[in-house]
PDB file of N, CA and C in Angstrom:
ATOM      1  N   MET A   1      80.197  62.264 137.993  1.00  0.00           N
ATOM      2  CA  MET A   1      80.055  63.657 138.328  1.00  0.00           C
ATOM      3  C   MET A   1      81.411  64.284 138.655  1.00  0.00           C
ATOM      4  N   ARG A   2      82.254  63.530 139.309  1.00  0.00           N
ATOM      5  CA  ARG A   2      83.574  64.027 139.664  1.00  0.00           C
ATOM      6  C   ARG A   2      84.409  64.302 138.411  1.00  0.00           C
ATOM      7  N   ALA A   3      84.290  63.421 137.425  1.00  0.00           N
ATOM      8  CA  ALA A   3      85.031  63.596 136.173  1.00  0.00           C
ATOM      9  C   ALA A   3      84.574  64.866 135.454  1.00  0.00           C
ATOM     10  N   LEU A   4      83.298  65.172 135.519  1.00  0.00           N
ATOM     11  CA  LEU A   4      82.764  66.374 134.881  1.00  0.00           C
ATOM     12  C   LEU A   4      83.322  67.635 135.549  1.00  0.00           C
ATOM     13  N   LYS A   5      83.415  67.623 136.877  1.00  0.00           N
ATOM     14  CA  LYS A   5      83.980  68.765 137.597  1.00  0.00           C
ATOM     15  C   LYS A   5      85.441  68.984 137.210  1.00  0.00           C
ATOM     16  N   ILE A   6      86.196  67.910 137.136  1.00  0.00           N
ATOM     17  CA  ILE A   6      87.609  68.010 136.752  1.00  0.00           C
ATOM     18  C   ILE A   6      87.731  68.541 135.327  1.00  0.00           C
ATOM     19  N   LEU A   7      86.888  68.064 134.426  1.00  0.00           N
ATOM     20  CA  LEU A   7      86.907  68.520 133.038  1.00  0.00           C
ATOM     21  C   LEU A   7      86.593  70.009 132.934  1.00  0.00           C
ATOM     22  N   VAL A   8      85.623  70.482 133.690  1.00  0.00           N
ATOM     23  CA  VAL A   8      85.258  71.907 133.679  1.00  0.00           C
ATOM     24  C   VAL A   8      86.409  72.755 134.210  1.00  0.00           C
ATOM     25  N   ILE A   9      87.066  72.314 135.267  1.00  0.00           N
ATOM     26  CA  ILE A   9      88.187  73.058 135.832  1.00  0.00           C
ATOM     27  C   ILE A   9      89.353  73.100 134.846  1.00  0.00           C
ATOM     28  N   VAL A  10      89.668  71.995 134.200  1.00  0.00           N
ATOM     29  CA  VAL A  10      90.760  71.949 133.218  1.00  0.00           C
ATOM     30  C   VAL A  10      90.455  72.862 132.046  1.00  0.00           C
ATOM     31  N   MET A  11      89.227  72.840 131.557  1.00  0.00           N
ATOM     32  CA  MET A  11      88.859  73.699 130.427  1.00  0.00           C
ATOM     33  C   MET A  11      88.925  75.178 130.814  1.00  0.00           C
ATOM     34  N   ALA A  12      88.535  75.515 132.034  1.00  0.00           N
ATOM     35  CA  ALA A  12      88.616  76.907 132.491  1.00  0.00           C
ATOM     36  C   ALA A  12      90.068  77.365 132.557  1.00  0.00           C
ATOM     37  N   VAL A  13      90.948  76.505 133.033  1.00  0.00           N
ATOM     38  CA  VAL A  13      92.366  76.848 133.098  1.00  0.00           C
ATOM     39  C   VAL A  13      92.931  77.046 131.691  1.00  0.00           C
ATOM     40  N   VAL A  14      92.564  76.201 130.760  1.00  0.00           N
ATOM     41  CA  VAL A  14      93.033  76.327 129.370  1.00  0.00           C
ATOM     42  C   VAL A  14      92.531  77.632 128.754  1.00  0.00           C
ATOM     43  N   ILE A  15      91.282  77.974 128.970  1.00  0.00           N
ATOM     44  CA  ILE A  15      90.723  79.227 128.432  1.00  0.00           C
ATOM     45  C   ILE A  15      91.439  80.433 129.037  1.00  0.00           C
ATOM     46  N   LEU A  16      91.667  80.439 130.340  1.00  0.00           N
ATOM     47  CA  LEU A  16      92.359  81.553 130.986  1.00  0.00           C
ATOM     48  C   LEU A  16      93.803  81.679 130.502  1.00  0.00           C
ATOM     49  N   ALA A  17      94.498  80.548 130.360  1.00  0.00           N
ATOM     50  CA  ALA A  17      95.880  80.587 129.885  1.00  0.00           C
ATOM     51  C   ALA A  17      95.940  81.080 128.432  1.00  0.00           C
ATOM     52  N   GLY A  18      95.032  80.641 127.619  1.00  0.00           N
ATOM     53  CA  GLY A  18      94.986  81.093 126.225  1.00  0.00           C
ATOM     54  C   GLY A  18      94.683  82.581 126.122  1.00  0.00           C
ATOM     55  N   SER A  19      93.753  83.066 126.916  1.00  0.00           N
ATOM     56  CA  SER A  19      93.418  84.491 126.921  1.00  0.00           C
ATOM     57  C   SER A  19      94.600  85.338 127.388  1.00  0.00           C
ATOM     58  N   ALA A  20      95.281  84.891 128.427  1.00  0.00           N
ATOM     59  CA  ALA A  20      96.444  85.625 128.926  1.00  0.00           C
ATOM     60  C   ALA A  20      97.549  85.668 127.876  1.00  0.00           C
ATOM     61  N   THR A  21      97.791  84.555 127.194  1.00  0.00           N
ATOM     62  CA  THR A  21      98.805  84.515 126.139  1.00  0.00           C
ATOM     63  C   THR A  21      98.449  85.460 125.009  1.00  0.00           C
ATOM     64  N   LEU A  22      97.200  85.479 124.609  1.00  0.00           N
ATOM     65  CA  LEU A  22      96.744  86.360 123.543  1.00  0.00           C
ATOM     66  C   LEU A  22      96.922  87.835 123.920  1.00  0.00           C
ATOM     67  N   ILE A  23      96.597  88.185 125.148  1.00  0.00           N
ATOM     68  CA  ILE A  23      96.745  89.574 125.610  1.00  0.00           C
ATOM     69  C   ILE A  23      98.221  89.973 125.623  1.00  0.00           C
ATOM     70  N   VAL A  24      99.088  89.093 126.078  1.00  0.00           N
ATOM     71  CA  VAL A  24     100.523  89.393 126.109  1.00  0.00           C
ATOM     72  C   VAL A  24     101.070  89.574 124.699  1.00  0.00           C
ATOM     73  N   LEU A  25     100.674  88.729 123.765  1.00  0.00           N
ATOM     74  CA  LEU A  25     101.147  88.845 122.384  1.00  0.00           C
ATOM     75  C   LEU A  25     100.672  90.146 121.732  1.00  0.00           C
ATOM     76  N   ILE A  26      99.417  90.498 121.938  1.00  0.00           N
ATOM     77  CA  ILE A  26      98.880  91.740 121.360  1.00  0.00           C
ATOM     78  C   ILE A  26      99.582  92.949 121.970  1.00  0.00           C
ATOM     79  N   ALA A  27      99.766  92.956 123.274  1.00  0.00           N
ATOM     80  CA  ALA A  27     100.441  94.082 123.929  1.00  0.00           C
ATOM     81  C   ALA A  27     101.886  94.208 123.445  1.00  0.00           C
ATOM     82  N   GLY A  28     102.557  93.097 123.235  1.00  0.00           N
ATOM     83  CA  GLY A  28     103.932  93.123 122.743  1.00  0.00           C
ATOM     84  C   GLY A  28     104.025  93.687 121.335  1.00  0.00           C
ATOM     85  N   ARG A  29     103.115  93.323 120.468  1.00  0.00           N
ATOM     86  CA  ARG A  29     103.129  93.835 119.095  1.00  0.00           C
ATOM     87  C   ARG A  29     102.755  95.307 119.044  1.00  0.00           C
ATOM     88  N   LEU A  30     101.831  95.724 119.889  1.00  0.00           N
ATOM     89  CA  LEU A  30     101.449  97.136 119.912  1.00  0.00           C
ATOM     90  C   LEU A  30     102.580  98.008 120.433  1.00  0.00           C
ATOM     91  N   SER A  31     103.329  97.503 121.401  1.00  0.00           N
ATOM     92  CA  SER A  31     104.424  98.307 121.950  1.00  0.00           C
ATOM     93  C   SER A  31     105.583  98.431 120.961  1.00  0.00           C
ATOM     94  N   ARG A  32     105.775  97.430 120.100  1.00  0.00           N
ATOM     95  CA  ARG A  32     106.833  97.483 119.098  1.00  0.00           C
ATOM     96  C   ARG A  32     106.502  98.393 117.927  1.00  0.00           C
ATOM     97  N   SER A  33     105.249  98.480 117.560  1.00  0.00           N
ATOM     98  CA  SER A  33     104.873  99.275 116.385  1.00  0.00           C
ATOM     99  C   SER A  33     103.770 100.265 116.755  1.00  0.00           C
ATOM    100  N   GLY A  34     104.066 101.123 117.694  1.00  0.00           N
ATOM    101  CA  GLY A  34     103.109 102.137 118.120  1.00  0.00           C
ATOM    102  C   GLY A  34     102.976 103.238 117.089  1.00  0.00           C
ATOM    103  N   PRO A  35     102.036 104.177 117.291  1.00  0.00           N
ATOM    104  CA  PRO A  35     101.804 105.240 116.317  1.00  0.00           C
ATOM    105  C   PRO A  35     102.978 106.192 116.168  1.00  0.00           C
ATOM    106  N   GLY A  36     103.831 106.332 117.171  1.00  0.00           N
ATOM    107  CA  GLY A  36     104.951 107.258 117.083  1.00  0.00           C
ATOM    108  C   GLY A  36     106.243 106.594 116.633  1.00  0.00           C
ATOM    109  N   THR A  37     106.189 105.320 116.308  1.00  0.00           N
ATOM    110  CA  THR A  37     107.384 104.593 115.933  1.00  0.00           C
ATOM    111  C   THR A  37     107.769 104.915 114.498  1.00  0.00           C
ATOM    112  N   ALA A  38     109.036 105.214 114.282  1.00  0.00           N
ATOM    113  CA  ALA A  38     109.528 105.486 112.938  1.00  0.00           C
ATOM    114  C   ALA A  38     109.719 104.172 112.192  1.00  0.00           C
ATOM    115  N   PRO A  39     109.532 104.169 110.887  1.00  0.00           N
ATOM    116  CA  PRO A  39     109.747 102.940 110.136  1.00  0.00           C
ATOM    117  C   PRO A  39     111.205 102.513 110.204  1.00  0.00           C
ATOM    118  N   SER A  40     111.431 101.202 110.178  1.00  0.00           N
ATOM    119  CA  SER A  40     112.791 100.690 110.316  1.00  0.00           C
ATOM    120  C   SER A  40     113.637 100.989 109.086  1.00  0.00           C
ATOM    121  N   GLN A  41     113.041 100.998 107.910  1.00  0.00           N
ATOM    122  CA  GLN A  41     113.773 101.308 106.694  1.00  0.00           C
ATOM    123  C   GLN A  41     112.996 102.358 105.914  1.00  0.00           C
ATOM    124  N   PRO A  42     113.645 103.425 105.494  1.00  0.00           N
ATOM    125  CA  PRO A  42     112.921 104.407 104.679  1.00  0.00           C
ATOM    126  C   PRO A  42     112.589 103.794 103.320  1.00  0.00           C
ATOM    127  N   PHE A  43     111.456 104.180 102.793  1.00  0.00           N
ATOM    128  CA  PHE A  43     111.012 103.642 101.508  1.00  0.00           C
ATOM    129  C   PHE A  43     111.105 104.736 100.461  1.00  0.00           C
ATOM    130  N   ALA A  44     111.954 104.525  99.498  1.00  0.00           N
ATOM    131  CA  ALA A  44     112.095 105.466  98.393  1.00  0.00           C
ATOM    132  C   ALA A  44     112.147 104.664  97.113  1.00  0.00           C
ATOM    133  N   ALA A  45     111.074 104.721  96.351  1.00  0.00           N
ATOM    134  CA  ALA A  45     111.001 103.975  95.099  1.00  0.00           C
ATOM    135  C   ALA A  45     111.011 104.941  93.928  1.00  0.00           C
ATOM    136  N   ALA A  46     111.461 104.437  92.806  1.00  0.00           N
ATOM    137  CA  ALA A  46     111.453 105.245  91.593  1.00  0.00           C
ATOM    138  C   ALA A  46     110.005 105.500  91.173  1.00  0.00           C
ATOM    139  N   PRO A  47     109.728 106.667  90.612  1.00  0.00           N
ATOM    140  CA  PRO A  47     108.353 106.945  90.171  1.00  0.00           C
ATOM    141  C   PRO A  47     107.951 106.033  89.023  1.00  0.00           C
ATOM    142  N   ILE A  48     106.680 105.756  88.943  1.00  0.00           N
ATOM    143  CA  ILE A  48     106.151 104.943  87.854  1.00  0.00           C
ATOM    144  C   ILE A  48     105.579 105.892  86.811  1.00  0.00           C
ATOM    145  N   GLU A  49     106.095 105.797  85.615  1.00  0.00           N
ATOM    146  CA  GLU A  49     105.682 106.689  84.539  1.00  0.00           C
ATOM    147  C   GLU A  49     104.365 106.209  83.945  1.00  0.00           C
ATOM    148  N   LEU A  50     103.380 107.089  83.917  1.00  0.00           N
ATOM    149  CA  LEU A  50     102.113 106.804  83.259  1.00  0.00           C
ATOM    150  C   LEU A  50     102.132 107.442  81.871  1.00  0.00           C
ATOM    151  N   PRO A  51     101.536 106.786  80.885  1.00  0.00           N
ATOM    152  CA  PRO A  51     101.452 107.404  79.566  1.00  0.00           C
ATOM    153  C   PRO A  51     100.631 108.692  79.633  1.00  0.00           C
ATOM    154  N   ALA A  52     100.869 109.580  78.688  1.00  0.00           N
ATOM    155  CA  ALA A  52     100.142 110.861  78.654  1.00  0.00           C
ATOM    156  C   ALA A  52      98.644 110.604  78.558  1.00  0.00           C
ATOM    157  N   GLY A  53      97.872 111.284  79.390  1.00  0.00           N
ATOM    158  CA  GLY A  53      96.418 111.163  79.384  1.00  0.00           C
ATOM    159  C   GLY A  53      95.877 109.982  80.170  1.00  0.00           C
ATOM    160  N   ALA A  54      96.749 109.171  80.746  1.00  0.00           N
ATOM    161  CA  ALA A  54      96.298 108.002  81.508  1.00  0.00           C
ATOM    162  C   ALA A  54      95.924 108.414  82.926  1.00  0.00           C
ATOM    163  N   ARG A  55      95.048 107.618  83.529  1.00  0.00           N
ATOM    164  CA  ARG A  55      94.667 107.877  84.921  1.00  0.00           C
ATOM    165  C   ARG A  55      94.538 106.540  85.647  1.00  0.00           C
ATOM    166  N   VAL A  56      94.772 106.595  86.951  1.00  0.00           N
ATOM    167  CA  VAL A  56      94.663 105.401  87.783  1.00  0.00           C
ATOM    168  C   VAL A  56      93.202 105.196  88.140  1.00  0.00           C
ATOM    169  N   GLU A  57      92.675 104.024  87.793  1.00  0.00           N
ATOM    170  CA  GLU A  57      91.282 103.692  88.073  1.00  0.00           C
ATOM    171  C   GLU A  57      91.150 103.054  89.459  1.00  0.00           C
ATOM    172  N   THR A  58      91.891 101.974  89.699  1.00  0.00           N
ATOM    173  CA  THR A  58      91.846 101.279  90.991  1.00  0.00           C
ATOM    174  C   THR A  58      93.230 100.730  91.322  1.00  0.00           C
ATOM    175  N   MET A  59      93.404 100.373  92.599  1.00  0.00           N
ATOM    176  CA  MET A  59      94.618  99.703  93.062  1.00  0.00           C
ATOM    177  C   MET A  59      94.213  98.568  93.983  1.00  0.00           C
ATOM    178  N   SER A  60      94.976  97.506  93.937  1.00  0.00           N
ATOM    179  CA  SER A  60      94.723  96.360  94.795  1.00  0.00           C
ATOM    180  C   SER A  60      96.057  95.841  95.301  1.00  0.00           C
ATOM    181  N   ALA A  61      96.174  95.665  96.620  1.00  0.00           N
ATOM    182  CA  ALA A  61      97.433  95.212  97.212  1.00  0.00           C
ATOM    183  C   ALA A  61      97.289  93.788  97.721  1.00  0.00           C
ATOM    184  N   GLY A  62      98.318  92.998  97.442  1.00  0.00           N
ATOM    185  CA  GLY A  62      98.428  91.656  97.998  1.00  0.00           C
ATOM    186  C   GLY A  62      99.490  91.677  99.074  1.00  0.00           C
ATOM    187  N   SER A  63     100.007  90.520  99.427  1.00  0.00           N
ATOM    188  CA  SER A  63     101.015  90.465 100.482  1.00  0.00           C
ATOM    189  C   SER A  63     102.329  91.085 100.047  1.00  0.00           C
ATOM    190  N   ASP A  64     102.674  90.970  98.773  1.00  0.00           N
ATOM    191  CA  ASP A  64     103.946  91.517  98.305  1.00  0.00           C
ATOM    192  C   ASP A  64     103.849  92.209  96.953  1.00  0.00           C
ATOM    193  N   ARG A  65     102.643  92.394  96.439  1.00  0.00           N
ATOM    194  CA  ARG A  65     102.452  93.019  95.134  1.00  0.00           C
ATOM    195  C   ARG A  65     101.363  94.081  95.196  1.00  0.00           C
ATOM    196  N   LEU A  66     101.501  95.098  94.345  1.00  0.00           N
ATOM    197  CA  LEU A  66     100.474  96.117  94.156  1.00  0.00           C
ATOM    198  C   LEU A  66     100.075  96.068  92.692  1.00  0.00           C
ATOM    199  N   VAL A  67      98.783  95.946  92.428  1.00  0.00           N
ATOM    200  CA  VAL A  67      98.284  95.939  91.059  1.00  0.00           C
ATOM    201  C   VAL A  67      97.518  97.236  90.853  1.00  0.00           C
ATOM    202  N   VAL A  68      97.962  98.023  89.865  1.00  0.00           N
ATOM    203  CA  VAL A  68      97.349  99.314  89.565  1.00  0.00           C
ATOM    204  C   VAL A  68      96.627  99.189  88.231  1.00  0.00           C
ATOM    205  N   ASP A  69      95.323  99.488  88.230  1.00  0.00           N
ATOM    206  CA  ASP A  69      94.513  99.458  87.010  1.00  0.00           C
ATOM    207  C   ASP A  69      94.541 100.857  86.412  1.00  0.00           C
ATOM    208  N   ILE A  70      95.120 100.979  85.216  1.00  0.00           N
ATOM    209  CA  ILE A  70      95.284 102.275  84.566  1.00  0.00           C
ATOM    210  C   ILE A  70      94.374 102.334  83.346  1.00  0.00           C
ATOM    211  N   VAL A  71      93.635 103.436  83.201  1.00  0.00           N
ATOM    212  CA  VAL A  71      92.832 103.683  82.009  1.00  0.00           C
ATOM    213  C   VAL A  71      93.624 104.629  81.117  1.00  0.00           C
ATOM    214  N   LEU A  72      93.925 104.187  79.910  1.00  0.00           N
ATOM    215  CA  LEU A  72      94.715 104.978  78.977  1.00  0.00           C
ATOM    216  C   LEU A  72      93.840 106.004  78.269  1.00  0.00           C
ATOM    217  N   ALA A  73      94.473 106.967  77.591  1.00  0.00           N
ATOM    218  CA  ALA A  73      93.752 108.042  76.915  1.00  0.00           C
ATOM    219  C   ALA A  73      92.822 107.504  75.825  1.00  0.00           C
ATOM    220  N   ASP A  74      93.187 106.383  75.192  1.00  0.00           N
ATOM    221  CA  ASP A  74      92.353 105.821  74.118  1.00  0.00           C
ATOM    222  C   ASP A  74      91.241 104.920  74.642  1.00  0.00           C
ATOM    223  N   GLY A  75      91.112 104.780  75.973  1.00  0.00           N
ATOM    224  CA  GLY A  75      90.050 103.978  76.573  1.00  0.00           C
ATOM    225  C   GLY A  75      90.481 102.571  76.944  1.00  0.00           C
ATOM    226  N   ASN A  76      91.616 102.117  76.443  1.00  0.00           N
ATOM    227  CA  ASN A  76      92.126 100.795  76.826  1.00  0.00           C
ATOM    228  C   ASN A  76      92.616 100.831  78.271  1.00  0.00           C
ATOM    229  N   ARG A  77      92.767  99.646  78.826  1.00  0.00           N
ATOM    230  CA  ARG A  77      93.215  99.536  80.212  1.00  0.00           C
ATOM    231  C   ARG A  77      94.514  98.748  80.262  1.00  0.00           C
ATOM    232  N   ARG A  78      95.248  98.963  81.346  1.00  0.00           N
ATOM    233  CA  ARG A  78      96.505  98.245  81.568  1.00  0.00           C
ATOM    234  C   ARG A  78      96.638  97.987  83.064  1.00  0.00           C
ATOM    235  N   LEU A  79      97.040  96.770  83.403  1.00  0.00           N
ATOM    236  CA  LEU A  79      97.341  96.420  84.787  1.00  0.00           C
ATOM    237  C   LEU A  79      98.849  96.501  84.977  1.00  0.00           C
ATOM    238  N   VAL A  80      99.295  97.317  85.917  1.00  0.00           N
ATOM    239  CA  VAL A  80     100.717  97.458  86.217  1.00  0.00           C
ATOM    240  C   VAL A  80     100.969  96.769  87.552  1.00  0.00           C
ATOM    241  N   ILE A  81     101.933  95.842  87.576  1.00  0.00           N
ATOM    242  CA  ILE A  81     102.247  95.086  88.787  1.00  0.00           C
ATOM    243  C   ILE A  81     103.540  95.627  89.373  1.00  0.00           C
ATOM    244  N   ILE A  82     103.493  95.968  90.674  1.00  0.00           N
ATOM    245  CA  ILE A  82     104.632  96.586  91.362  1.00  0.00           C
ATOM    246  C   ILE A  82     105.000  95.739  92.568  1.00  0.00           C
ATOM    247  N   ASP A  83     106.287  95.528  92.766  1.00  0.00           N
ATOM    248  CA  ASP A  83     106.790  94.809  93.930  1.00  0.00           C
ATOM    249  C   ASP A  83     106.792  95.776  95.119  1.00  0.00           C
ATOM    250  N   LEU A  84     106.073  95.448  96.186  1.00  0.00           N
ATOM    251  CA  LEU A  84     105.970  96.345  97.338  1.00  0.00           C
ATOM    252  C   LEU A  84     107.268  96.453  98.122  1.00  0.00           C
ATOM    253  N   ALA A  85     108.109  95.445  98.083  1.00  0.00           N
ATOM    254  CA  ALA A  85     109.355  95.487  98.848  1.00  0.00           C
ATOM    255  C   ALA A  85     110.348  96.470  98.239  1.00  0.00           C
ATOM    256  N   THR A  86     110.413  96.514  96.908  1.00  0.00           N
ATOM    257  CA  THR A  86     111.410  97.354  96.248  1.00  0.00           C
ATOM    258  C   THR A  86     110.809  98.564  95.542  1.00  0.00           C
ATOM    259  N   GLY A  87     109.511  98.529  95.242  1.00  0.00           N
ATOM    260  CA  GLY A  87     108.878  99.604  94.489  1.00  0.00           C
ATOM    261  C   GLY A  87     109.124  99.499  93.001  1.00  0.00           C
ATOM    262  N   ARG A  88     109.740  98.421  92.578  1.00  0.00           N
ATOM    263  CA  ARG A  88     110.077  98.208  91.167  1.00  0.00           C
ATOM    264  C   ARG A  88     108.871  97.680  90.404  1.00  0.00           C
ATOM    265  N   GLN A  89     108.679  98.177  89.178  1.00  0.00           N
ATOM    266  CA  GLN A  89     107.603  97.698  88.320  1.00  0.00           C
ATOM    267  C   GLN A  89     108.005  96.339  87.764  1.00  0.00           C
ATOM    268  N   LEU A  90     107.175  95.322  88.029  1.00  0.00           N
ATOM    269  CA  LEU A  90     107.486  93.974  87.588  1.00  0.00           C
ATOM    270  C   LEU A  90     106.974  93.694  86.174  1.00  0.00           C
ATOM    271  N   GLY A  91     105.906  94.360  85.800  1.00  0.00           N
ATOM    272  CA  GLY A  91     105.362  94.131  84.471  1.00  0.00           C
ATOM    273  C   GLY A  91     104.059  94.878  84.285  1.00  0.00           C
ATOM    274  N   ALA A  92     103.550  94.812  83.057  1.00  0.00           N
ATOM    275  CA  ALA A  92     102.283  95.439  82.721  1.00  0.00           C
ATOM    276  C   ALA A  92     101.500  94.482  81.826  1.00  0.00           C
ATOM    277  N   ILE A  93     100.206  94.384  82.068  1.00  0.00           N
ATOM    278  CA  ILE A  93      99.341  93.511  81.297  1.00  0.00           C
ATOM    279  C   ILE A  93      98.316  94.380  80.580  1.00  0.00           C
ATOM    280  N   PRO A  94      98.364  94.437  79.258  1.00  0.00           N
ATOM    281  CA  PRO A  94      97.361  95.230  78.544  1.00  0.00           C
ATOM    282  C   PRO A  94      96.019  94.493  78.539  1.00  0.00           C
ATOM    283  N   LEU A  95      94.934  95.209  78.745  1.00  0.00           N
ATOM    284  CA  LEU A  95      93.590  94.636  78.705  1.00  0.00           C
ATOM    285  C   LEU A  95      92.868  95.249  77.522  1.00  0.00           C
ATOM    286  N   ARG A  96      92.341  94.388  76.662  1.00  0.00           N
ATOM    287  CA  ARG A  96      91.620  94.868  75.484  1.00  0.00           C
ATOM    288  C   ARG A  96      90.283  94.160  75.396  1.00  0.00           C
ATOM    289  N   THR A  97      89.304  94.831  74.849  1.00  0.00           N
ATOM    290  CA  THR A  97      87.988  94.250  74.652  1.00  0.00           C
ATOM    291  C   THR A  97      88.026  93.346  73.422  1.00  0.00           C
ATOM    292  N   ALA A  98      87.479  92.149  73.562  1.00  0.00           N
ATOM    293  CA  ALA A  98      87.435  91.212  72.441  1.00  0.00           C
ATOM    294  C   ALA A  98      86.470  91.744  71.383  1.00  0.00           C
ATOM    295  N   ARG A  99      86.838  91.526  70.127  1.00  0.00           N
ATOM    296  CA  ARG A  99      85.970  92.015  69.032  1.00  0.00           C
ATOM    297  C   ARG A  99      85.419  90.883  68.230  1.00  0.00           C
TER     298      ARG A  99
END
């Protein structure tokens, strides 16, 4: 019974210490990047040229890439991959329906 009491006390201390650490980390990150904080580096990327009549269907962002699904005027699609760090277009993948 004594061992059980010691185990419960140790686990309570671990839970409290973990919760306090989590609160301190969250508060520190919120204070560094609050809503009024200006970005550390301005972002200015070159515009991405779309073909005439094309429209953006969807976009999907990963950790360092943006994939833009473009529907062309003739109905074909193209995936444009953009580097989020530089804004540079890395490539384009044409999508065609198999015949």
